[in-house]
């Protein structure tokens, strides 16, 4: 089955560049924080699953993700 997409070549290029920047930033931050982001966004895990892996609580994982997202936003804005 073929899916129709409205993405242009430029859209795809921008997504790849964004992913590359995020991966580079993840190499520079706290390894535990990088693990949390990878589990959440690359492995699509729920907060409760991540909490079990890192021996924490779902609430703590959510708070950590919010903190990391804010930190990543600042770094990405600094690159622009």
PDB file of N, CA and C in Angstrom:
ATOM      1  N   UNK A   1       0.841  -1.174   0.000  1.00  0.00           N
ATOM      2  CA  UNK A   1       0.000   0.000   0.000  1.00  0.00           C
ATOM      3  C   UNK A   1       0.886   1.236   0.000  1.00  0.00           C
ATOM      4  N   UNK A   2       0.588   2.177  -0.845  1.00  0.00           N
ATOM      5  CA  UNK A   2       1.381   3.393  -0.968  1.00  0.00           C
ATOM      6  C   UNK A   2       0.657   4.536  -0.268  1.00  0.00           C
ATOM      7  N   UNK A   3       1.408   5.260   0.570  1.00  0.00           N
ATOM      8  CA  UNK A   3       0.838   6.396   1.282  1.00  0.00           C
ATOM      9  C   UNK A   3       1.163   7.680   0.537  1.00  0.00           C
ATOM     10  N   UNK A   4       0.211   8.571   0.474  1.00  0.00           N
ATOM     11  CA  UNK A   4       0.409   9.858  -0.173  1.00  0.00           C
ATOM     12  C   UNK A   4       0.843  10.856   0.896  1.00  0.00           C
ATOM     13  N   UNK A   5       1.891  11.601   0.599  1.00  0.00           N
ATOM     14  CA  UNK A   5       2.390  12.584   1.552  1.00  0.00           C
ATOM     15  C   UNK A   5       2.493  13.939   0.870  1.00  0.00           C
ATOM     16  N   UNK A   6       2.305  14.966   1.642  1.00  0.00           N
ATOM     17  CA  UNK A   6       2.410  16.317   1.111  1.00  0.00           C
ATOM     18  C   UNK A   6       3.783  16.914   1.384  1.00  0.00           C
ATOM     19  N   UNK A   7       4.712  16.104   1.868  1.00  0.00           N
ATOM     20  CA  UNK A   7       6.043  16.599   2.179  1.00  0.00           C
ATOM     21  C   UNK A   7       6.829  16.829   0.896  1.00  0.00           C
ATOM     22  N   UNK A   8       7.489  17.963   0.866  1.00  0.00           N
ATOM     23  CA  UNK A   8       8.371  18.264  -0.259  1.00  0.00           C
ATOM     24  C   UNK A   8       9.779  17.787   0.085  1.00  0.00           C
ATOM     25  N   UNK A   9      10.646  17.815  -0.892  1.00  0.00           N
ATOM     26  CA  UNK A   9      12.047  17.450  -0.655  1.00  0.00           C
ATOM     27  C   UNK A   9      12.650  18.378   0.400  1.00  0.00           C
ATOM     28  N   UNK A  10      12.270  19.651   0.375  1.00  0.00           N
ATOM     29  CA  UNK A  10      12.775  20.609   1.362  1.00  0.00           C
ATOM     30  C   UNK A  10      12.285  20.250   2.767  1.00  0.00           C
ATOM     31  N   UNK A  11      11.026  19.832   2.888  1.00  0.00           N
ATOM     32  CA  UNK A  11      10.490  19.404   4.182  1.00  0.00           C
ATOM     33  C   UNK A  11      11.306  18.246   4.742  1.00  0.00           C
ATOM     34  N   UNK A  12      11.585  17.282   3.903  1.00  0.00           N
ATOM     35  CA  UNK A  12      12.338  16.097   4.322  1.00  0.00           C
ATOM     36  C   UNK A  12      13.755  16.478   4.723  1.00  0.00           C
ATOM     37  N   UNK A  13      14.373  17.354   3.947  1.00  0.00           N
ATOM     38  CA  UNK A  13      15.721  17.816   4.264  1.00  0.00           C
ATOM     39  C   UNK A  13      15.749  18.547   5.605  1.00  0.00           C
ATOM     40  N   UNK A  14      14.779  19.404   5.835  1.00  0.00           N
ATOM     41  CA  UNK A  14      14.702  20.141   7.102  1.00  0.00           C
ATOM     42  C   UNK A  14      14.505  19.193   8.289  1.00  0.00           C
ATOM     43  N   UNK A  15      13.668  18.176   8.116  1.00  0.00           N
ATOM     44  CA  UNK A  15      13.455  17.192   9.180  1.00  0.00           C
ATOM     45  C   UNK A  15      14.751  16.452   9.494  1.00  0.00           C
ATOM     46  N   UNK A  16      15.473  16.068   8.464  1.00  0.00           N
ATOM     47  CA  UNK A  16      16.737  15.355   8.665  1.00  0.00           C
ATOM     48  C   UNK A  16      17.761  16.234   9.363  1.00  0.00           C
ATOM     49  N   UNK A  17      17.823  17.501   8.958  1.00  0.00           N
ATOM     50  CA  UNK A  17      18.762  18.435   9.584  1.00  0.00           C
ATOM     51  C   UNK A  17      18.400  18.646  11.052  1.00  0.00           C
ATOM     52  N   UNK A  18      17.104  18.792  11.326  1.00  0.00           N
ATOM     53  CA  UNK A  18      16.640  18.958  12.706  1.00  0.00           C
ATOM     54  C   UNK A  18      17.017  17.745  13.547  1.00  0.00           C
ATOM     55  N   UNK A  19      16.779  16.556  13.011  1.00  0.00           N
ATOM     56  CA  UNK A  19      17.120  15.328  13.733  1.00  0.00           C
ATOM     57  C   UNK A  19      18.615  15.243  14.000  1.00  0.00           C
ATOM     58  N   UNK A  20      19.417  15.645  13.022  1.00  0.00           N
ATOM     59  CA  UNK A  20      20.869  15.626  13.183  1.00  0.00           C
ATOM     60  C   UNK A  20      21.296  16.588  14.295  1.00  0.00           C
ATOM     61  N   UNK A  21      20.713  17.777  14.324  1.00  0.00           N
ATOM     62  CA  UNK A  21      21.028  18.759  15.364  1.00  0.00           C
ATOM     63  C   UNK A  21      20.632  18.225  16.728  1.00  0.00           C
ATOM     64  N   UNK A  22      19.463  17.632  16.825  1.00  0.00           N
ATOM     65  CA  UNK A  22      18.999  17.097  18.110  1.00  0.00           C
ATOM     66  C   UNK A  22      19.916  15.971  18.575  1.00  0.00           C
ATOM     67  N   UNK A  23      20.310  15.083  17.680  1.00  0.00           N
ATOM     68  CA  UNK A  23      21.223  13.992  18.064  1.00  0.00           C
ATOM     69  C   UNK A  23      22.555  14.551  18.564  1.00  0.00           C
ATOM     70  N   UNK A  24      23.058  15.589  17.918  1.00  0.00           N
ATOM     71  CA  UNK A  24      24.321  16.197  18.346  1.00  0.00           C
ATOM     72  C   UNK A  24      24.167  16.803  19.743  1.00  0.00           C
ATOM     73  N   UNK A  25      23.061  17.493  19.968  1.00  0.00           N
ATOM     74  CA  UNK A  25      22.821  18.098  21.288  1.00  0.00           C
ATOM     75  C   UNK A  25      22.704  17.013  22.346  1.00  0.00           C
ATOM     76  N   UNK A  26      22.053  15.890  22.016  1.00  0.00           N
ATOM     77  CA  UNK A  26      21.901  14.801  22.973  1.00  0.00           C
ATOM     78  C   UNK A  26      23.249  14.228  23.398  1.00  0.00           C
ATOM     79  N   UNK A  27      24.242  14.315  22.516  1.00  0.00           N
ATOM     80  CA  UNK A  27      25.583  13.847  22.872  1.00  0.00           C
ATOM     81  C   UNK A  27      26.232  14.759  23.911  1.00  0.00           C
ATOM     82  N   UNK A  28      25.758  15.998  23.983  1.00  0.00           N
ATOM     83  CA  UNK A  28      26.374  17.004  24.846  1.00  0.00           C
ATOM     84  C   UNK A  28      25.695  17.146  26.215  1.00  0.00           C
ATOM     85  N   UNK A  29      24.510  16.544  26.380  1.00  0.00           N
ATOM     86  CA  UNK A  29      23.801  16.719  27.653  1.00  0.00           C
ATOM     87  C   UNK A  29      24.016  15.512  28.561  1.00  0.00           C
ATOM     88  N   UNK A  30      23.510  15.624  29.774  1.00  0.00           N
ATOM     89  CA  UNK A  30      23.577  14.566  30.769  1.00  0.00           C
ATOM     90  C   UNK A  30      23.126  13.239  30.138  1.00  0.00           C
ATOM     91  N   UNK A  31      23.935  12.185  30.272  1.00  0.00           N
ATOM     92  CA  UNK A  31      23.583  10.900  29.644  1.00  0.00           C
ATOM     93  C   UNK A  31      22.212  10.364  30.070  1.00  0.00           C
ATOM     94  N   UNK A  32      21.832  10.561  31.322  1.00  0.00           N
ATOM     95  CA  UNK A  32      20.514  10.090  31.784  1.00  0.00           C
ATOM     96  C   UNK A  32      19.408  10.858  31.063  1.00  0.00           C
ATOM     97  N   UNK A  33      19.600  12.161  30.880  1.00  0.00           N
ATOM     98  CA  UNK A  33      18.607  12.968  30.174  1.00  0.00           C
ATOM     99  C   UNK A  33      18.509  12.542  28.713  1.00  0.00           C
ATOM    100  N   UNK A  34      19.653  12.266  28.102  1.00  0.00           N
ATOM    101  CA  UNK A  34      19.657  11.814  26.705  1.00  0.00           C
ATOM    102  C   UNK A  34      18.914  10.485  26.579  1.00  0.00           C
ATOM    103  N   UNK A  35      19.123   9.592  27.549  1.00  0.00           N
ATOM    104  CA  UNK A  35      18.430   8.302  27.541  1.00  0.00           C
ATOM    105  C   UNK A  35      16.922   8.503  27.625  1.00  0.00           C
ATOM    106  N   UNK A  36      16.489   9.375  28.502  1.00  0.00           N
ATOM    107  CA  UNK A  36      15.052   9.643  28.665  1.00  0.00           C
ATOM    108  C   UNK A  36      14.448  10.151  27.356  1.00  0.00           C
ATOM    109  N   UNK A  37      15.122  11.081  26.704  1.00  0.00           N
ATOM    110  CA  UNK A  37      14.620  11.621  25.439  1.00  0.00           C
ATOM    111  C   UNK A  37      14.580  10.537  24.368  1.00  0.00           C
ATOM    112  N   UNK A  38      15.626   9.740  24.301  1.00  0.00           N
ATOM    113  CA  UNK A  38      15.646   8.667  23.299  1.00  0.00           C
ATOM    114  C   UNK A  38      14.509   7.671  23.528  1.00  0.00           C
ATOM    115  N   UNK A  39      14.304   7.296  24.785  1.00  0.00           N
ATOM    116  CA  UNK A  39      13.238   6.334  25.083  1.00  0.00           C
ATOM    117  C   UNK A  39      11.869   6.913  24.759  1.00  0.00           C
ATOM    118  N   UNK A  40      11.668   8.178  25.056  1.00  0.00           N
ATOM    119  CA  UNK A  40      10.366   8.801  24.837  1.00  0.00           C
ATOM    120  C   UNK A  40      10.076   9.027  23.353  1.00  0.00           C
ATOM    121  N   UNK A  41      11.022   9.628  22.650  1.00  0.00           N
ATOM    122  CA  UNK A  41      10.742  10.070  21.290  1.00  0.00           C
ATOM    123  C   UNK A  41      11.212   9.118  20.193  1.00  0.00           C
ATOM    124  N   UNK A  42      12.248   8.350  20.434  1.00  0.00           N
ATOM    125  CA  UNK A  42      12.689   7.413  19.403  1.00  0.00           C
ATOM    126  C   UNK A  42      12.064   6.031  19.610  1.00  0.00           C
ATOM    127  N   UNK A  43      11.841   5.667  20.871  1.00  0.00           N
ATOM    128  CA  UNK A  43      11.250   4.356  21.166  1.00  0.00           C
ATOM    129  C   UNK A  43       9.762   4.457  21.496  1.00  0.00           C
ATOM    130  N   UNK A  44       9.233   5.677  21.566  1.00  0.00           N
ATOM    131  CA  UNK A  44       7.809   5.938  21.840  1.00  0.00           C
ATOM    132  C   UNK A  44       7.311   5.293  23.135  1.00  0.00           C
ATOM    133  N   UNK A  45       8.152   5.299  24.150  1.00  0.00           N
ATOM    134  CA  UNK A  45       7.751   4.720  25.434  1.00  0.00           C
ATOM    135  C   UNK A  45       6.928   5.703  26.255  1.00  0.00           C
ATOM    136  N   UNK A  46       6.058   5.147  27.079  1.00  0.00           N
ATOM    137  CA  UNK A  46       5.256   5.946  27.999  1.00  0.00           C
ATOM    138  C   UNK A  46       6.110   6.325  29.205  1.00  0.00           C
ATOM    139  N   UNK A  47       5.675   7.380  29.896  1.00  0.00           N
ATOM    140  CA  UNK A  47       6.408   7.837  31.088  1.00  0.00           C
ATOM    141  C   UNK A  47       6.578   6.699  32.093  1.00  0.00           C
ATOM    142  N   UNK A  48       5.537   5.891  32.276  1.00  0.00           N
ATOM    143  CA  UNK A  48       5.602   4.801  33.263  1.00  0.00           C
ATOM    144  C   UNK A  48       6.653   3.764  32.876  1.00  0.00           C
ATOM    145  N   UNK A  49       6.783   3.495  31.584  1.00  0.00           N
ATOM    146  CA  UNK A  49       7.799   2.541  31.120  1.00  0.00           C
ATOM    147  C   UNK A  49       9.209   3.090  31.354  1.00  0.00           C
ATOM    148  N   UNK A  50       9.384   4.367  31.039  1.00  0.00           N
ATOM    149  CA  UNK A  50      10.689   5.012  31.240  1.00  0.00           C
ATOM    150  C   UNK A  50      11.029   5.030  32.720  1.00  0.00           C
ATOM    151  N   UNK A  51      10.031   5.331  33.554  1.00  0.00           N
ATOM    152  CA  UNK A  51      10.249   5.379  35.003  1.00  0.00           C
ATOM    153  C   UNK A  51      10.759   4.041  35.527  1.00  0.00           C
ATOM    154  N   UNK A  52      10.219   2.950  35.029  1.00  0.00           N
ATOM    155  CA  UNK A  52      10.676   1.624  35.453  1.00  0.00           C
ATOM    156  C   UNK A  52      12.132   1.399  35.053  1.00  0.00           C
ATOM    157  N   UNK A  53      12.483   1.821  33.856  1.00  0.00           N
ATOM    158  CA  UNK A  53      13.844   1.610  33.361  1.00  0.00           C
ATOM    159  C   UNK A  53      14.864   2.408  34.171  1.00  0.00           C
ATOM    160  N   UNK A  54      14.532   3.657  34.503  1.00  0.00           N
ATOM    161  CA  UNK A  54      15.499   4.505  35.204  1.00  0.00           C
ATOM    162  C   UNK A  54      15.275   4.522  36.711  1.00  0.00           C
ATOM    163  N   UNK A  55      14.379   3.671  37.192  1.00  0.00           N
ATOM    164  CA  UNK A  55      14.077   3.575  38.619  1.00  0.00           C
ATOM    165  C   UNK A  55      13.636   4.919  39.195  1.00  0.00           C
ATOM    166  N   UNK A  56      12.531   5.427  38.648  1.00  0.00           N
ATOM    167  CA  UNK A  56      11.998   6.726  39.045  1.00  0.00           C
ATOM    168  C   UNK A  56      10.474   6.652  39.027  1.00  0.00           C
ATOM    169  N   UNK A  57       9.837   7.826  39.080  1.00  0.00           N
ATOM    170  CA  UNK A  57       8.377   7.887  39.013  1.00  0.00           C
ATOM    171  C   UNK A  57       7.957   8.524  37.690  1.00  0.00           C
ATOM    172  N   UNK A  58       6.721   8.277  37.290  1.00  0.00           N
ATOM    173  CA  UNK A  58       6.198   8.871  36.054  1.00  0.00           C
ATOM    174  C   UNK A  58       6.216  10.391  36.126  1.00  0.00           C
ATOM    175  N   UNK A  59       5.858  10.925  37.294  1.00  0.00           N
ATOM    176  CA  UNK A  59       5.855  12.377  37.481  1.00  0.00           C
ATOM    177  C   UNK A  59       7.243  12.978  37.316  1.00  0.00           C
ATOM    178  N   UNK A  60       8.220  12.297  37.856  1.00  0.00           N
ATOM    179  CA  UNK A  60       9.599  12.763  37.739  1.00  0.00           C
ATOM    180  C   UNK A  60      10.061  12.723  36.280  1.00  0.00           C
ATOM    181  N   UNK A  61       9.675  11.675  35.577  1.00  0.00           N
ATOM    182  CA  UNK A  61      10.031  11.560  34.154  1.00  0.00           C
ATOM    183  C   UNK A  61       9.401  12.714  33.379  1.00  0.00           C
ATOM    184  N   UNK A  62       8.134  13.005  33.635  1.00  0.00           N
ATOM    185  CA  UNK A  62       7.453  14.111  32.954  1.00  0.00           C
ATOM    186  C   UNK A  62       8.124  15.445  33.215  1.00  0.00           C
ATOM    187  N   UNK A  63       8.485  15.680  34.467  1.00  0.00           N
ATOM    188  CA  UNK A  63       9.171  16.916  34.825  1.00  0.00           C
ATOM    189  C   UNK A  63      10.536  17.017  34.169  1.00  0.00           C
ATOM    190  N   UNK A  64      11.240  15.903  34.133  1.00  0.00           N
ATOM    191  CA  UNK A  64      12.563  15.872  33.508  1.00  0.00           C
ATOM    192  C   UNK A  64      12.445  16.135  32.012  1.00  0.00           C
ATOM    193  N   UNK A  65      11.454  15.550  31.370  1.00  0.00           N
ATOM    194  CA  UNK A  65      11.255  15.769  29.934  1.00  0.00           C
ATOM    195  C   UNK A  65      10.953  17.240  29.660  1.00  0.00           C
ATOM    196  N   UNK A  66      10.107  17.853  30.465  1.00  0.00           N
ATOM    197  CA  UNK A  66       9.799  19.280  30.286  1.00  0.00           C
ATOM    198  C   UNK A  66      11.065  20.120  30.437  1.00  0.00           C
ATOM    199  N   UNK A  67      11.882  19.802  31.426  1.00  0.00           N
ATOM    200  CA  UNK A  67      13.138  20.515  31.657  1.00  0.00           C
ATOM    201  C   UNK A  67      14.083  20.357  30.465  1.00  0.00           C
ATOM    202  N   UNK A  68      14.216  19.127  29.986  1.00  0.00           N
ATOM    203  CA  UNK A  68      15.114  18.850  28.863  1.00  0.00           C
ATOM    204  C   UNK A  68      14.619  19.560  27.602  1.00  0.00           C
ATOM    205  N   UNK A  69      13.311  19.534  27.364  1.00  0.00           N
ATOM    206  CA  UNK A  69      12.758  20.196  26.177  1.00  0.00           C
ATOM    207  C   UNK A  69      13.083  21.687  26.192  1.00  0.00           C
ATOM    208  N   UNK A  70      12.951  22.307  27.351  1.00  0.00           N
ATOM    209  CA  UNK A  70      13.265  23.730  27.486  1.00  0.00           C
ATOM    210  C   UNK A  70      14.748  23.970  27.184  1.00  0.00           C
ATOM    211  N   UNK A  71      15.593  23.110  27.714  1.00  0.00           N
ATOM    212  CA  UNK A  71      17.033  23.223  27.499  1.00  0.00           C
ATOM    213  C   UNK A  71      17.376  23.029  26.014  1.00  0.00           C
ATOM    214  N   UNK A  72      16.757  22.036  25.379  1.00  0.00           N
ATOM    215  CA  UNK A  72      16.989  21.781  23.956  1.00  0.00           C
ATOM    216  C   UNK A  72      16.531  22.954  23.098  1.00  0.00           C
ATOM    217  N   UNK A  73      15.361  23.540  23.442  1.00  0.00           N
ATOM    218  CA  UNK A  73      14.865  24.696  22.698  1.00  0.00           C
ATOM    219  C   UNK A  73      15.885  25.833  22.711  1.00  0.00           C
ATOM    220  N   UNK A  74      16.441  26.107  23.885  1.00  0.00           N
ATOM    221  CA  UNK A  74      17.425  27.182  24.016  1.00  0.00           C
ATOM    222  C   UNK A  74      18.650  26.895  23.170  1.00  0.00           C
ATOM    223  N   UNK A  75      19.111  25.646  23.177  1.00  0.00           N
ATOM    224  CA  UNK A  75      20.292  25.291  22.382  1.00  0.00           C
ATOM    225  C   UNK A  75      20.009  25.404  20.891  1.00  0.00           C
ATOM    226  N   UNK A  76      18.841  24.941  20.452  1.00  0.00           N
ATOM    227  CA  UNK A  76      18.477  25.006  19.039  1.00  0.00           C
ATOM    228  C   UNK A  76      18.340  26.462  18.602  1.00  0.00           C
ATOM    229  N   UNK A  77      17.736  27.300  19.431  1.00  0.00           N
ATOM    230  CA  UNK A  77      17.599  28.709  19.094  1.00  0.00           C
ATOM    231  C   UNK A  77      18.968  29.375  18.996  1.00  0.00           C
ATOM    232  N   UNK A  78      19.922  28.925  19.792  1.00  0.00           N
ATOM    233  CA  UNK A  78      21.281  29.465  19.739  1.00  0.00           C
ATOM    234  C   UNK A  78      21.999  29.094  18.459  1.00  0.00           C
ATOM    235  N   UNK A  79      21.595  27.999  17.824  1.00  0.00           N
ATOM    236  CA  UNK A  79      22.203  27.544  16.582  1.00  0.00           C
ATOM    237  C   UNK A  79      21.717  28.372  15.411  1.00  0.00           C
ATOM    238  N   UNK A  80      20.464  28.775  15.466  1.00  0.00           N
ATOM    239  CA  UNK A  80      19.860  29.532  14.347  1.00  0.00           C
ATOM    240  C   UNK A  80      20.540  30.809  14.139  1.00  0.00           C
TER     241      UNK A  80
END
